[in-house]
Protein backbone atom coordinates (compact mmCIF):
# COMPACT_ATOMS: atom_id res chain seq x y z
CA MET A 1 0.00 0.00 0.00
CA SER A 2 2.85 2.38 0.78
CA GLN A 3 4.34 1.72 -2.65
CA VAL A 4 1.06 2.75 -4.29
CA LEU A 5 0.94 5.96 -2.24
CA GLU A 6 4.56 6.71 -3.15
CA THR A 7 3.75 6.23 -6.85
CA LEU A 8 0.75 8.55 -6.55
CA ARG A 9 2.92 11.17 -4.82
CA GLU A 10 5.43 11.00 -7.67
CA LEU A 11 2.60 11.38 -10.15
CA VAL A 12 1.32 14.51 -8.41
CA ASP A 13 4.80 16.01 -8.06
CA SER A 14 5.98 15.39 -11.62
CA PRO A 15 4.17 17.23 -14.42
CA LYS A 16 5.88 15.09 -17.06
CA LYS A 17 4.62 11.89 -15.40
CA ARG A 18 1.09 13.33 -15.21
CA VAL A 19 1.06 13.93 -18.95
CA SER A 20 2.51 10.49 -19.67
CA CYS A 21 0.08 8.73 -17.36
CA LEU A 22 -2.92 10.40 -19.02
CA TRP A 23 -1.56 9.50 -22.45
CA PHE A 24 -1.18 5.84 -21.48
CA LEU A 25 -4.67 5.87 -19.96
CA SER A 26 -6.05 7.08 -23.28
CA MET A 27 -4.21 4.23 -25.02
CA VAL A 28 -5.97 1.68 -22.81
CA PHE A 29 -9.37 3.09 -23.72
CA ILE A 30 -8.42 3.30 -27.40
CA PHE A 31 -7.61 -0.42 -27.31
CA ALA A 32 -11.05 -1.14 -25.86
CA PHE A 33 -12.78 1.20 -28.33
CA VAL A 34 -11.31 -0.77 -31.26
CA PHE A 35 -13.32 -3.84 -30.27
CA CYS A 36 -16.38 -1.72 -29.58
CA ALA A 37 -16.19 -0.09 -33.03
CA ILE A 38 -15.95 -3.48 -34.71
CA ALA A 39 -19.05 -4.63 -32.79
CA VAL A 40 -20.98 -1.50 -33.80
CA ALA A 41 -20.06 -1.98 -37.45
CA ALA A 42 -20.96 -5.67 -37.37
CA THR A 43 -24.31 -5.06 -35.64
CA ASN A 44 -25.35 -2.32 -38.05
CA ASP A 45 -24.29 -4.19 -41.21
CA CYS A 46 -27.66 -5.49 -42.34
CA ASP A 47 -30.27 -4.70 -44.97
CA SER A 48 -33.05 -3.95 -42.49
CA GLN A 49 -34.38 -0.42 -42.36
CA SER A 50 -33.62 -0.32 -38.63
CA CYS A 51 -29.87 -0.78 -39.28
CA SER A 52 -27.66 2.28 -39.54
CA LYS A 53 -24.68 1.64 -41.78
CA SER A 54 -23.59 5.22 -41.21
CA SER A 55 -23.15 4.46 -37.49
CA GLY A 56 -20.93 1.54 -38.40
CA PHE A 57 -18.92 3.79 -40.70
CA ALA A 58 -18.65 6.50 -38.01
CA ALA A 59 -17.38 3.95 -35.50
CA MET A 60 -14.77 2.52 -37.87
CA TRP A 61 -13.64 5.94 -39.09
CA THR A 62 -13.28 7.17 -35.52
CA MET A 63 -11.32 4.04 -34.68
CA LEU A 64 -8.87 4.78 -37.50
CA GLN A 65 -8.59 8.43 -36.40
CA ILE A 66 -7.82 7.66 -32.78
CA ILE A 67 -5.31 4.98 -33.76
CA GLY A 68 -3.59 7.56 -35.98
CA VAL A 69 -3.57 10.14 -33.19
CA ALA A 70 -2.27 7.51 -30.76
CA ILE A 71 0.64 6.69 -33.06
CA GLY A 72 1.41 10.33 -33.83
CA GLY A 73 0.99 11.41 -30.22
CA THR A 74 3.29 8.69 -28.99
CA LYS A 75 5.95 9.84 -31.46
CA VAL A 76 5.56 13.41 -30.20
CA MET A 77 5.71 12.35 -26.55
CA ARG A 78 8.81 10.19 -27.06
CA ARG A 79 10.85 11.73 -29.84
CA TYR A 80 9.61 14.97 -31.43
CA LYS A 81 9.18 17.25 -28.41
CA THR A 82 9.41 20.51 -30.32
CA PRO A 83 7.10 23.42 -29.46
CA LEU A 84 5.31 23.02 -32.81
CA ALA A 85 4.74 19.28 -32.39
CA VAL A 86 3.52 19.58 -28.79
CA GLY A 87 1.19 22.45 -29.70
CA PHE A 88 -0.12 20.54 -32.71
CA LEU A 89 -0.77 17.48 -30.52
CA GLY A 90 -2.65 19.64 -28.02
CA GLY A 91 -4.84 21.07 -30.78
CA VAL A 92 -5.53 17.71 -32.39
CA VAL A 93 -6.43 16.11 -29.07
CA THR A 94 -8.73 19.04 -28.22
CA MET A 95 -10.58 18.66 -31.52
CA LEU A 96 -10.72 14.88 -31.09
CA SER A 97 -12.21 15.41 -27.65
CA MET A 98 -15.02 17.49 -29.15
CA SER A 99 -15.53 14.87 -31.85
CA MET A 100 -15.84 12.18 -29.18
CA PHE A 101 -18.52 14.22 -27.43
CA THR A 102 -20.47 14.53 -30.68
CA LEU A 103 -20.20 10.78 -31.24
CA PHE A 104 -21.29 10.15 -27.66
CA VAL A 105 -24.51 12.05 -28.36
CA HIS A 106 -24.99 10.15 -31.64
CA PHE A 107 -24.46 6.68 -30.17
CA ALA A 108 -26.56 7.48 -27.10
CA GLY A 109 -29.39 8.42 -29.45
CA MET A 110 -28.89 5.27 -31.49
CA ALA A 111 -29.00 3.15 -28.33
CA ASN A 112 -32.43 4.55 -27.42
CA ARG A 113 -34.13 3.54 -30.68
CA ASP A 114 -37.34 1.52 -30.50
CA ASP A 115 -36.54 -1.16 -33.04
CA THR A 116 -35.30 -4.71 -33.14
CA VAL A 117 -31.58 -4.04 -33.63
CA ASP A 118 -29.34 -5.00 -30.71
CA ASP A 119 -28.46 -1.74 -28.95
CA GLN A 120 -25.67 -3.02 -26.68
CA PRO A 121 -22.82 -2.11 -29.07
CA ASP A 122 -24.28 1.40 -29.43
CA ARG A 123 -24.47 1.75 -25.65
CA ALA A 124 -20.86 0.58 -25.32
CA ALA A 125 -19.75 2.98 -28.06
CA ALA A 126 -21.55 5.84 -26.30
CA ALA A 127 -19.83 4.96 -23.03
CA PHE A 128 -16.35 4.73 -24.56
CA CYS A 129 -16.87 7.93 -26.55
CA PHE A 130 -17.80 9.76 -23.35
CA LEU A 131 -14.80 8.35 -21.47
CA LEU A 132 -12.46 9.25 -24.34
CA PHE A 133 -14.01 12.73 -24.48
CA MET A 134 -13.19 13.23 -20.80
CA ILE A 135 -9.70 11.71 -21.01
CA TYR A 136 -8.77 13.73 -24.11
CA ALA A 137 -10.13 16.96 -22.61
CA VAL A 138 -8.17 16.47 -19.38
CA PHE A 139 -5.07 15.41 -21.32
CA ALA A 140 -5.20 18.50 -23.54
CA LEU A 141 -5.62 20.75 -20.50
CA VAL A 142 -2.77 19.09 -18.58
CA LEU A 143 -0.53 19.08 -21.67
CA MET A 144 -1.07 22.77 -22.35
CA CYS A 145 -0.61 23.73 -18.69
CA ASN A 146 2.62 21.68 -18.43
CA ARG A 147 4.01 22.05 -21.93
CA GLU A 148 7.24 23.64 -20.70
CA HIS A 149 8.03 20.36 -18.94
CA VAL A 150 7.34 18.31 -22.08
CA ILE A 151 9.04 20.46 -24.73
CA ARG A 152 12.71 19.75 -25.27
CA TYR A 153 14.62 22.76 -26.61
CA LYS A 154 17.84 22.40 -28.58
CA ARG A 155 20.95 23.88 -27.06
CA GLY A 156 21.67 27.36 -28.28
CA SER A 157 18.15 27.92 -29.53
CA ARG A 158 16.53 31.27 -28.97
CA ALA A 159 13.81 29.87 -26.70
CA SER A 160 16.29 28.18 -24.35
CA SER A 161 18.45 31.30 -24.03
CA MET A 162 15.63 33.79 -23.52
CA GLY A 163 15.91 33.52 -19.75
CA ALA A 164 19.59 34.48 -19.88
CA SER A 165 19.01 37.54 -22.05
CA SER A 166 16.19 39.04 -20.00
CA GLY A 167 18.53 41.50 -18.30
CA ALA A 168 20.30 42.62 -21.48
CA ALA A 169 19.99 46.18 -22.72
CA GLN A 170 17.36 46.76 -25.37
CA ASP A 171 18.20 48.29 -28.72
CA THR A 172 17.12 51.90 -29.11
CA VAL A 173 16.42 53.62 -32.38
């Protein structure tokens, strides 16, 4: 129990670990959403009028998007820690969060239909979309608040030497 508390203390004290932990948490839910998206597509792939092939498409397209963001985000978090890449990741994750909220509303509506189609995959998709919406929103907020701990500046770059030149005389015209 003390080891768990020590790990939680390290997580609270280290901004870089907070960002990494949230990113890995999103990866776990992405893995689960993949199976959920396949179930939604399989359930809605029928010729009945009560089936919604567009819901199946939305689930599969979203699955491909979040896998792409997971791969790109992992590359940014591990290798390309430039200000542009970190800012781009923050923007993409923010927009993906809003997209997940929209899909949550869609799948929640699809789950409440009064027809014969099995609604369990739609309910699961709604739940995972809501969880991913929350995780992505919190991740984007934590990333943007702690970006100075994530960004790695090159030596001699202007951004890394700005602190040293703050006391220098300014040019006058």
